[in-house]
Amino acid sequence: MPDTSAPIDDAVEPSAPVEALLTAVTLTSSASDGMRTMMQRESEFPTTLAAKLTGIALDPAGRAYADQFLDTYWSDEQRRQETLGSGSRNREVVIGSGFHAAVYAATRVRNGYPKPLVLERSNRVGGAFAMTTRPTFYLNSRNRTGSIGLAGDRGAALNYLPGAPIQPANVSMAEFQTNTDLAFVIRLTLAQYADVVTNATVRAVAGDTTGVDIEIADRVRLAAGRVIDARGMGDSAGQEVANGTTILTFVQFMQRMATMWPLRGVRRAAVVGGGDSAKCAVESLLGIGPQPFMAAAALDSVDRIDWYTFGLPSSCKQWRKEIRGRYQAIGRYLRPDRFGTRRLTVSARQVRPVALPSAGLIDGRTYDLVVVCTGNQETAVDGLAFDDFVEYGLPTGDAIARQHTNMPAFRIGPHARLPFTLQERLDRVADLPENAVSMFRTATKTAALAAILPAVTRD
């Protein structure tokens, strides 16, 4: 696989939106302290741009200002229209603005190709990690310095974003970083290396080997020479049972956790599902996730949490033995107190919640709040069905993406659903099924695709 971690050109000039951001921060005294302070250590950074952006990221006031600035920049309707008007058969279009869109755009531009056009259906850029503006859950991989590598490599940064102007390790020293830490890096990368249009929901893609036409809801049809489908893992499953108040999907729950007093009035809660999303939801309910806004244990403690899932330990001793370190803190809540009561109970049962007017109902028990974390599902886009794609690999035979059978379109990242390779099995990456969608596994594949695809040139 090509080396996609080394920078191609250290003399990175800020893009128009990043230059505007830097100017705005400089002129705002309440937001510029971090950037000015970090310039005392400019010599320790590969570029002046990296030093300035790191200073902004480490200063809470500077980061909040920068986030708001980028949201405002990308929400300008006239700029959206002008950007969409630049579409042509000579341009690449990326669907989705998450981690892999940023990896593709950064690698592509730093290899000398034009900026891709990124389409984001929501009004906020950054994908799943930017689902909230406040930190609401922790990442699964430890925060380490270094370049990208495998999980067992102590010198590897598992949250590394190839080509980014700064890395997540620049943003905080926390052992496990928050979702907004990575979201900020993704957003800066797209501001630097892509033209982004928000509120652009792709409905259909049609074309042939010469190019494609993209149908966008309530907007003009867009021409492109190549489409990169980077829609991630999909939308939360379980939306058919969620009512948005007493029964929530994982995304809805995290968005609630970003509001004021998110657990007010919640004394009895349930979580359905056993994956990483469910574990993050349980952490939030236990109060061991990122600190909610204006919440205190004396006012907002959840007394009982029933966790419905198969395959997870139901006792503290089992949990400590079988569950990886990232989620070890949950285990102590599976231990009964001296009166025999437990705050957290794991039940190996398959359940289907029912929404009542003021509660969620599971097998006769009522809950103030039920969180459904039963995986993800893909939202269909006409012309981009999974069955229309085949594996696309390097000369070595390892698949790095999926290619459409009759259009210049590719699926990347988790959206490609790539099987583990033989080498990944030998390296024991495949021992954890969750690693199938891990960033340390998929980032290099996306970067490799961006590095080897030829330029888009259509008459």
Protein backbone atom coordinates (compact mmCIF):
# COMPACT_ATOMS: atom_id res chain seq x y z
CA MET A 1 0.00 0.00 0.00
CA PRO A 2 1.37 3.50 -0.80
CA ASP A 3 2.77 5.58 2.04
CA THR A 4 -0.08 7.99 2.69
CA SER A 5 1.12 9.34 6.02
CA ALA A 6 4.09 11.47 5.01
CA PRO A 7 3.36 15.10 4.08
CA ILE A 8 3.92 15.95 0.43
CA ASP A 9 4.55 19.66 0.95
CA ASP A 10 5.15 21.26 4.33
CA ALA A 11 4.59 24.77 2.92
CA VAL A 12 0.82 24.61 3.24
CA GLU A 13 -0.93 27.88 2.44
CA PRO A 14 -4.30 28.41 4.14
CA SER A 15 -7.36 28.13 1.92
CA ALA A 16 -9.78 31.05 1.56
CA PRO A 17 -12.11 29.92 4.40
CA VAL A 18 -9.19 29.06 6.70
CA GLU A 19 -7.49 32.39 5.94
CA ALA A 20 -10.77 34.16 6.72
CA LEU A 21 -11.02 32.20 9.96
CA LEU A 22 -7.49 33.12 11.03
CA THR A 23 -8.13 36.79 10.29
CA ALA A 24 -11.40 36.77 12.23
CA VAL A 25 -9.79 35.07 15.25
CA THR A 26 -6.89 37.54 15.19
CA LEU A 27 -9.31 40.46 15.27
CA THR A 28 -11.40 39.01 18.12
CA SER A 29 -9.59 39.49 21.42
CA SER A 30 -11.75 36.98 23.31
CA ALA A 31 -10.86 34.22 20.82
CA SER A 32 -7.24 34.92 19.96
CA ASP A 33 -5.39 34.21 23.22
CA GLY A 34 -4.67 30.58 22.40
CA MET A 35 -3.39 31.30 18.90
CA ARG A 36 -1.12 34.11 20.07
CA THR A 37 0.24 32.02 22.93
CA MET A 38 0.96 29.00 20.74
CA MET A 39 3.12 31.09 18.42
CA GLN A 40 5.74 31.01 21.18
CA ARG A 41 6.22 27.34 20.17
CA GLU A 42 5.92 27.83 16.42
CA SER A 43 9.30 26.21 15.79
CA GLU A 44 7.96 22.89 17.15
CA PHE A 45 5.34 22.65 14.38
CA PRO A 46 5.83 21.61 10.75
CA THR A 47 4.06 24.76 9.54
CA THR A 48 2.96 28.13 10.87
CA LEU A 49 -0.60 27.17 9.91
CA ALA A 50 -0.44 24.08 12.16
CA ALA A 51 0.77 26.20 15.08
CA LYS A 52 -2.05 28.73 14.68
CA LEU A 53 -4.77 26.13 14.31
CA THR A 54 -3.47 24.18 17.31
CA GLY A 55 -3.59 27.34 19.40
CA ILE A 56 -7.21 27.89 18.38
CA ALA A 57 -8.10 24.26 19.10
CA LEU A 58 -6.58 24.28 22.61
CA ASP A 59 -8.34 27.48 23.67
CA PRO A 60 -12.03 26.76 24.49
CA ALA A 61 -13.06 30.28 23.54
CA GLY A 62 -11.05 30.16 20.32
CA ARG A 63 -12.41 26.76 19.33
CA ALA A 64 -16.01 27.77 20.01
CA TYR A 65 -15.53 30.91 17.94
CA ALA A 66 -13.92 28.93 15.10
CA ASP A 67 -16.72 26.37 15.09
CA GLN A 68 -19.34 29.10 14.86
CA PHE A 69 -17.37 30.91 12.16
CA LEU A 70 -17.19 27.79 9.97
CA ASP A 71 -20.91 27.05 10.45
CA THR A 72 -21.73 30.60 9.38
CA TYR A 73 -19.35 30.42 6.42
CA TRP A 74 -20.82 27.19 5.12
CA SER A 75 -24.43 28.31 5.67
CA ASP A 76 -24.15 31.31 3.31
CA GLU A 77 -26.75 30.55 0.62
CA GLN A 78 -25.13 32.62 -2.10
CA ARG A 79 -21.84 30.79 -1.56
CA ARG A 80 -23.70 27.47 -1.74
CA GLN A 81 -25.27 28.39 -5.07
CA GLU A 82 -21.96 29.58 -6.51
CA THR A 83 -20.20 26.41 -5.37
CA LEU A 84 -22.87 24.17 -6.87
CA GLY A 85 -22.63 26.18 -10.08
CA SER A 86 -18.98 25.18 -10.39
CA GLY A 87 -19.86 21.54 -10.95
CA SER A 88 -18.60 20.00 -14.18
CA ARG A 89 -17.50 16.74 -15.75
CA ASN A 90 -13.96 17.66 -14.68
CA ARG A 91 -14.78 17.70 -10.98
CA GLU A 92 -15.03 15.11 -8.21
CA VAL A 93 -18.00 15.19 -5.85
CA VAL A 94 -17.91 13.60 -2.40
CA ILE A 95 -21.21 12.66 -0.72
CA GLY A 96 -20.91 13.13 3.05
CA SER A 97 -18.67 15.37 5.14
CA GLY A 98 -17.32 12.99 7.76
CA PHE A 99 -13.92 11.52 8.56
CA HIS A 100 -13.42 9.72 5.25
CA ALA A 101 -14.52 12.68 3.16
CA ALA A 102 -11.80 14.66 4.93
CA VAL A 103 -9.19 11.92 4.40
CA TYR A 104 -10.01 11.70 0.70
CA ALA A 105 -10.02 15.48 0.15
CA ALA A 106 -6.77 16.09 2.04
CA THR A 107 -4.87 13.26 0.34
CA ARG A 108 -6.24 14.20 -3.05
CA VAL A 109 -5.27 17.87 -2.84
CA ARG A 110 -1.86 17.20 -1.31
CA ASN A 111 -1.16 14.88 -4.24
CA GLY A 112 -1.70 17.79 -6.62
CA TYR A 113 -5.33 17.28 -7.66
CA PRO A 114 -8.10 19.94 -7.53
CA LYS A 115 -10.31 20.30 -4.49
CA PRO A 116 -13.35 18.01 -4.51
CA LEU A 117 -16.85 19.35 -3.95
CA VAL A 118 -18.33 17.91 -0.73
CA LEU A 119 -22.10 17.62 -0.30
CA GLU A 120 -23.49 17.42 3.25
CA ARG A 121 -27.20 16.85 3.77
CA SER A 122 -27.37 18.51 7.22
CA ASN A 123 -26.46 22.06 8.17
CA ARG A 124 -23.38 20.95 10.12
CA VAL A 125 -20.14 19.64 8.61
CA GLY A 126 -18.19 16.82 10.27
CA GLY A 127 -20.25 13.66 9.99
CA ALA A 128 -21.16 11.46 12.96
CA PHE A 129 -18.57 13.05 15.25
CA ALA A 130 -20.16 16.46 14.71
CA MET A 131 -23.68 15.32 15.63
CA THR A 132 -23.38 17.62 18.64
CA THR A 133 -21.64 20.95 19.22
CA ARG A 134 -20.80 19.99 22.81
CA PRO A 135 -18.80 16.84 23.70
CA THR A 136 -21.16 13.95 24.42
CA PHE A 137 -19.15 10.74 23.97
CA TYR A 138 -15.56 9.52 24.01
CA LEU A 139 -13.70 7.94 21.11
CA ASN A 140 -12.80 4.26 21.31
CA SER A 141 -9.09 4.62 20.55
CA ARG A 142 -6.51 6.15 22.87
CA ASN A 143 -5.08 9.57 22.10
CA ARG A 144 -1.47 9.09 21.00
CA THR A 145 1.10 10.98 18.99
CA GLY A 146 2.71 9.59 15.86
CA SER A 147 1.50 8.62 12.43
CA ILE A 148 -1.16 6.15 11.42
CA GLY A 149 -0.71 2.45 12.18
CA LEU A 150 -2.23 -0.69 13.66
CA ALA A 151 -3.86 -0.90 17.08
CA GLY A 152 -0.98 -2.91 18.56
CA ASP A 153 1.63 -0.36 17.47
CA ARG A 154 2.37 1.84 20.50
CA GLY A 155 3.89 4.47 18.22
CA ALA A 156 0.78 4.79 16.09
CA ALA A 157 -1.93 7.43 16.39
CA LEU A 158 -5.12 5.48 15.85
CA ASN A 159 -7.24 8.62 15.37
CA TYR A 160 -4.84 9.98 12.75
CA LEU A 161 -6.36 11.80 9.76
CA PRO A 162 -3.94 11.59 6.80
CA GLY A 163 -3.11 14.99 5.32
CA ALA A 164 -4.97 17.05 7.94
CA PRO A 165 -3.52 20.49 8.81
CA ILE A 166 -3.51 19.38 12.47
CA GLN A 167 -4.13 16.00 14.06
CA PRO A 168 -6.46 15.01 16.93
CA ALA A 169 -3.37 14.67 19.13
CA ASN A 170 -2.96 18.46 18.72
CA VAL A 171 -6.40 19.11 20.19
CA SER A 172 -6.19 17.67 23.73
CA MET A 173 -4.17 15.48 26.11
CA ALA A 174 -7.14 13.35 27.18
CA GLU A 175 -6.53 9.59 27.13
CA PHE A 176 -9.78 9.14 25.22
CA GLN A 177 -10.82 12.22 23.29
CA THR A 178 -14.36 13.45 22.80
CA ASN A 179 -16.37 13.39 19.59
CA THR A 180 -16.01 17.15 19.19
CA ASP A 181 -12.20 16.91 19.32
CA LEU A 182 -12.17 14.78 16.18
CA ALA A 183 -15.03 16.74 14.63
CA PHE A 184 -12.97 19.95 14.88
CA VAL A 185 -10.06 18.34 13.02
CA ILE A 186 -12.40 17.01 10.32
CA ARG A 187 -14.02 20.41 9.87
CA LEU A 188 -10.68 22.21 9.60
CA THR A 189 -9.47 19.64 7.06
CA LEU A 190 -12.52 20.11 4.85
CA ALA A 191 -12.26 23.89 5.15
CA GLN A 192 -8.67 23.61 3.94
CA TYR A 193 -8.98 20.97 1.22
CA ALA A 194 -12.57 20.95 -0.10
CA ASP A 195 -15.41 23.14 -1.27
CA VAL A 196 -18.35 22.29 0.98
CA VAL A 197 -22.08 22.71 0.43
CA THR A 198 -24.40 22.01 3.36
CA ASN A 199 -28.16 21.28 3.24
CA ALA A 200 -27.57 19.29 0.06
CA THR A 201 -29.38 15.94 0.20
CA VAL A 202 -28.48 13.66 -2.70
CA ARG A 203 -31.56 11.87 -4.03
CA ALA A 204 -30.19 10.10 -7.12
CA VAL A 205 -27.06 9.61 -9.21
CA ALA A 206 -27.23 8.62 -12.88
CA GLY A 207 -24.67 8.41 -15.65
CA ASP A 208 -22.22 6.25 -17.57
CA THR A 209 -18.47 5.95 -17.99
CA THR A 210 -18.23 9.56 -19.23
CA GLY A 211 -19.61 11.16 -16.07
CA VAL A 212 -22.59 11.47 -13.77
CA ASP A 213 -25.50 13.75 -12.98
CA ILE A 214 -26.42 14.22 -9.32
CA GLU A 215 -29.96 15.05 -8.26
CA ILE A 216 -30.02 17.15 -5.09
CA ALA A 217 -33.26 17.81 -3.19
CA ASP A 218 -34.62 21.32 -3.88
CA ARG A 219 -31.50 22.27 -5.86
CA VAL A 220 -30.23 22.21 -9.42
CA ARG A 221 -28.91 19.01 -10.94
CA LEU A 222 -25.14 18.79 -10.56
CA ALA A 223 -22.70 17.41 -13.14
CA ALA A 224 -19.58 15.57 -12.00
CA GLY A 225 -16.78 13.50 -13.45
CA ARG A 226 -16.54 11.17 -10.47
CA VAL A 227 -18.56 10.48 -7.29
CA ILE A 228 -17.05 9.38 -3.99
CA ASP A 229 -19.74 7.98 -1.69
CA ALA A 230 -18.50 8.61 1.86
CA ARG A 231 -21.72 8.36 3.83
CA GLY A 232 -20.19 6.40 6.70
CA MET A 233 -22.06 3.76 8.66
CA GLY A 234 -25.53 5.10 7.88
CA ASP A 235 -28.38 6.34 10.02
CA SER A 236 -29.43 4.94 13.38
CA ALA A 237 -31.58 1.82 13.22
CA GLY A 238 -34.66 1.67 15.40
CA GLN A 239 -36.19 4.89 14.14
CA GLU A 240 -39.48 3.06 13.64
CA VAL A 241 -39.88 2.60 17.42
CA ALA A 242 -38.40 5.94 18.53
CA ASN A 243 -40.80 8.80 19.21
CA GLY A 244 -38.17 11.44 19.91
CA THR A 245 -39.18 11.99 23.54
CA THR A 246 -39.34 8.86 25.69
CA ILE A 247 -37.73 6.51 23.17
CA LEU A 248 -34.64 7.85 21.39
CA THR A 249 -32.11 6.59 18.86
CA PHE A 250 -28.44 6.96 19.75
CA VAL A 251 -28.12 10.19 17.72
CA GLN A 252 -31.25 11.67 19.30
CA PHE A 253 -29.99 10.76 22.77
CA MET A 254 -26.57 12.34 22.18
CA GLN A 255 -28.21 15.47 20.85
CA ARG A 256 -30.28 15.54 24.04
CA MET A 257 -27.09 15.14 26.10
CA ALA A 258 -25.76 18.31 24.47
CA THR A 259 -28.66 20.38 25.83
CA MET A 260 -29.21 21.89 29.27
CA TRP A 261 -30.26 19.43 32.02
CA PRO A 262 -30.43 16.42 29.66
CA LEU A 263 -31.22 13.91 32.42
CA ARG A 264 -33.69 16.03 34.34
CA GLY A 265 -36.60 13.85 35.47
CA VAL A 266 -34.92 10.60 34.32
CA ARG A 267 -34.78 8.21 37.26
CA ARG A 268 -35.28 4.91 35.45
CA ALA A 269 -33.76 4.32 32.01
CA ALA A 270 -33.17 1.45 29.59
CA VAL A 271 -30.65 0.89 26.81
CA VAL A 272 -31.28 -1.60 24.00
CA GLY A 273 -28.25 -2.95 22.12
CA GLY A 274 -24.71 -3.95 23.00
CA GLY A 275 -22.31 -2.19 20.63
CA ASP A 276 -20.07 0.81 21.16
CA SER A 277 -22.99 3.23 20.79
CA ALA A 278 -24.89 1.43 23.56
CA LYS A 279 -21.82 1.51 25.81
CA CYS A 280 -21.46 5.27 25.23
CA ALA A 281 -25.16 5.73 26.06
CA VAL A 282 -24.74 3.77 29.30
CA GLU A 283 -21.72 5.90 30.21
CA SER A 284 -23.81 9.04 29.75
CA LEU A 285 -26.62 7.69 31.93
CA LEU A 286 -24.12 6.68 34.64
CA GLY A 287 -22.47 10.09 34.57
CA ILE A 288 -19.06 8.82 33.40
CA GLY A 289 -19.30 10.28 29.90
CA PRO A 290 -18.36 13.87 29.06
CA GLN A 291 -19.86 16.33 31.55
CA PRO A 292 -23.33 17.47 30.42
CA PHE A 293 -24.24 21.16 30.37
CA MET A 294 -25.64 22.45 33.69
CA ALA A 295 -26.03 18.97 35.19
CA ALA A 296 -25.17 17.82 38.73
CA ALA A 297 -25.34 14.47 40.50
CA ALA A 298 -27.62 15.86 43.21
CA LEU A 299 -30.19 16.88 40.61
CA ASP A 300 -29.77 14.58 37.62
CA SER A 301 -28.67 11.12 38.78
CA VAL A 302 -30.33 8.12 37.11
CA ASP A 303 -31.27 5.61 39.81
CA ARG A 304 -31.65 2.50 37.68
CA ILE A 305 -30.48 1.49 34.21
CA ASP A 306 -31.64 -1.75 32.59
CA TRP A 307 -29.45 -2.81 29.68
CA TYR A 308 -31.03 -5.25 27.23
CA THR A 309 -28.46 -7.01 25.09
CA PHE A 310 -26.90 -10.37 24.30
CA GLY A 311 -23.23 -11.19 24.65
CA LEU A 312 -22.19 -8.78 27.41
CA PRO A 313 -21.13 -9.80 30.95
CA SER A 314 -23.73 -9.29 33.64
CA SER A 315 -21.38 -9.12 36.64
CA CYS A 316 -18.54 -6.81 37.59
CA LYS A 317 -16.02 -9.67 37.74
CA GLN A 318 -16.92 -10.92 34.28
CA TRP A 319 -16.90 -7.41 32.86
CA ARG A 320 -13.41 -6.65 34.17
CA LYS A 321 -12.15 -9.90 32.68
CA GLU A 322 -13.78 -9.78 29.24
CA ILE A 323 -14.25 -6.13 28.23
CA ARG A 324 -11.45 -3.96 26.85
CA GLY A 325 -10.01 -1.09 28.83
CA ARG A 326 -11.92 1.72 27.16
CA TYR A 327 -15.17 0.63 28.84
CA GLN A 328 -13.81 -0.78 32.11
CA ALA A 329 -15.41 1.96 34.21
CA ILE A 330 -18.88 0.60 33.42
CA GLY A 331 -18.09 -2.67 35.19
CA ARG A 332 -18.14 -1.30 38.73
CA TYR A 333 -21.80 -0.37 38.37
CA LEU A 334 -22.65 -4.06 37.81
CA ARG A 335 -21.59 -4.76 41.41
CA PRO A 336 -24.40 -4.75 44.01
CA ASP A 337 -24.07 -2.58 47.08
CA ARG A 338 -24.22 -4.03 50.59
CA PHE A 339 -28.02 -4.02 50.44
CA GLY A 340 -27.97 -6.11 47.25
CA THR A 341 -29.18 -3.41 44.85
CA ARG A 342 -27.46 -2.48 41.63
CA ARG A 343 -27.71 0.69 39.61
CA LEU A 344 -26.96 -1.12 36.33
CA THR A 345 -28.39 -4.49 35.28
CA VAL A 346 -27.62 -6.39 32.07
CA SER A 347 -30.40 -8.64 30.78
CA ALA A 348 -29.78 -11.07 27.90
CA ARG A 349 -33.13 -10.57 26.22
CA GLN A 350 -34.43 -9.41 22.89
CA VAL A 351 -36.96 -6.64 23.43
CA ARG A 352 -38.97 -4.12 21.46
CA PRO A 353 -39.83 -0.88 23.25
CA VAL A 354 -43.26 0.68 22.98
CA ALA A 355 -43.81 4.42 23.29
CA LEU A 356 -46.41 5.54 25.81
CA PRO A 357 -47.48 9.19 26.22
CA SER A 358 -45.08 9.84 29.09
CA ALA A 359 -42.88 6.72 29.26
CA GLY A 360 -41.24 3.91 27.34
CA LEU A 361 -42.57 0.40 27.90
CA ILE A 362 -40.46 -2.79 27.77
CA ASP A 363 -42.02 -6.11 28.76
CA GLY A 364 -44.37 -4.52 31.25
CA ARG A 365 -41.76 -2.21 32.79
CA THR A 366 -42.02 1.53 32.26
CA TYR A 367 -39.02 3.82 31.87
CA ASP A 368 -38.60 7.57 31.86
CA LEU A 369 -36.24 7.14 28.90
CA VAL A 370 -35.30 4.33 26.52
CA VAL A 371 -32.27 4.57 24.22
CA VAL A 372 -32.26 2.28 21.18
CA CYS A 373 -28.72 1.45 19.99
CA THR A 374 -29.33 -1.42 17.58
CA GLY A 375 -26.92 -0.52 14.80
CA ASN A 376 -27.15 1.48 11.62
CA GLN A 377 -28.95 1.29 8.32
CA GLU A 378 -28.21 2.79 4.94
CA THR A 379 -30.44 5.46 3.44
CA ALA A 380 -31.01 4.58 -0.21
CA VAL A 381 -29.78 6.86 -2.98
CA ASP A 382 -31.13 5.96 -6.40
CA GLY A 383 -28.28 4.66 -8.57
CA LEU A 384 -25.87 3.94 -5.71
CA ALA A 385 -27.21 0.63 -4.41
CA PHE A 386 -24.59 -1.53 -2.69
CA ASP A 387 -25.15 -4.41 -5.13
CA ASP A 388 -24.05 -2.16 -8.02
CA PHE A 389 -20.50 -1.97 -6.61
CA VAL A 390 -17.60 -4.42 -6.69
CA GLU A 391 -14.35 -4.46 -4.73
CA TYR A 392 -11.62 -2.16 -6.02
CA GLY A 393 -8.11 -3.05 -4.98
CA LEU A 394 -4.43 -2.35 -5.23
CA PRO A 395 -2.17 -4.42 -7.50
CA THR A 396 -1.46 -6.55 -4.42
CA GLY A 397 -5.11 -7.57 -4.44
CA ASP A 398 -6.15 -5.87 -1.20
CA ALA A 399 -9.47 -4.05 -1.57
CA ILE A 400 -9.40 -0.37 -0.62
CA ALA A 401 -12.86 0.70 -1.86
CA ARG A 402 -15.79 -0.42 -3.97
CA GLN A 403 -16.25 0.71 -7.57
CA HIS A 404 -19.55 1.09 -9.41
CA THR A 405 -19.94 -1.34 -12.28
CA ASN A 406 -20.89 1.24 -14.95
CA MET A 407 -20.33 4.72 -13.47
CA PRO A 408 -17.23 6.56 -12.19
CA ALA A 409 -18.35 6.17 -8.56
CA PHE A 410 -16.66 4.68 -5.50
CA ARG A 411 -17.72 3.76 -1.95
CA ILE A 412 -15.12 4.46 0.72
CA GLY A 413 -14.68 3.94 4.47
CA PRO A 414 -17.27 1.97 6.45
CA HIS A 415 -19.73 2.62 3.63
CA ALA A 416 -17.68 0.26 1.43
CA ARG A 417 -18.16 -2.67 3.87
CA LEU A 418 -14.76 -4.14 3.03
CA PRO A 419 -13.94 -7.62 4.38
CA PHE A 420 -10.84 -8.20 6.46
CA THR A 421 -7.75 -9.02 4.43
CA LEU A 422 -5.49 -12.00 5.10
CA GLN A 423 -2.83 -9.69 6.52
CA GLU A 424 -5.36 -8.07 8.84
CA ARG A 425 -6.30 -11.49 10.11
CA LEU A 426 -2.63 -12.40 10.63
CA ASP A 427 -2.13 -9.09 12.47
CA ARG A 428 -5.17 -10.01 14.63
CA VAL A 429 -7.02 -6.87 13.58
CA ALA A 430 -9.96 -9.12 12.74
CA ASP A 431 -10.14 -10.50 16.30
CA LEU A 432 -12.50 -7.65 17.19
CA PRO A 433 -15.45 -7.44 14.78
CA GLU A 434 -15.74 -3.72 15.63
CA ASN A 435 -12.41 -3.14 13.88
CA ALA A 436 -14.16 -3.62 10.53
CA VAL A 437 -15.19 0.04 10.70
CA SER A 438 -12.32 1.41 12.78
CA MET A 439 -10.54 4.53 11.55
CA PHE A 440 -7.06 3.05 11.88
CA ARG A 441 -8.11 0.29 9.46
CA THR A 442 -10.12 2.25 6.92
CA ALA A 443 -8.24 5.58 6.79
CA THR A 444 -5.24 4.15 4.95
CA LYS A 445 -7.50 2.49 2.40
CA THR A 446 -9.30 5.75 1.65
CA ALA A 447 -6.01 7.64 1.45
CA ALA A 448 -4.59 5.02 -0.90
CA LEU A 449 -7.57 5.37 -3.23
CA ALA A 450 -7.19 9.16 -3.25
CA ALA A 451 -3.50 8.78 -4.05
CA ILE A 452 -3.82 6.36 -6.99
CA LEU A 453 -6.96 7.47 -8.84
CA PRO A 454 -6.12 9.40 -12.03
CA ALA A 455 -7.25 12.96 -12.59
CA VAL A 456 -10.80 13.52 -13.78
CA THR A 457 -10.64 14.91 -17.30
CA ARG A 458 -13.76 14.94 -19.48
CA ASP A 459 -14.38 16.74 -22.74
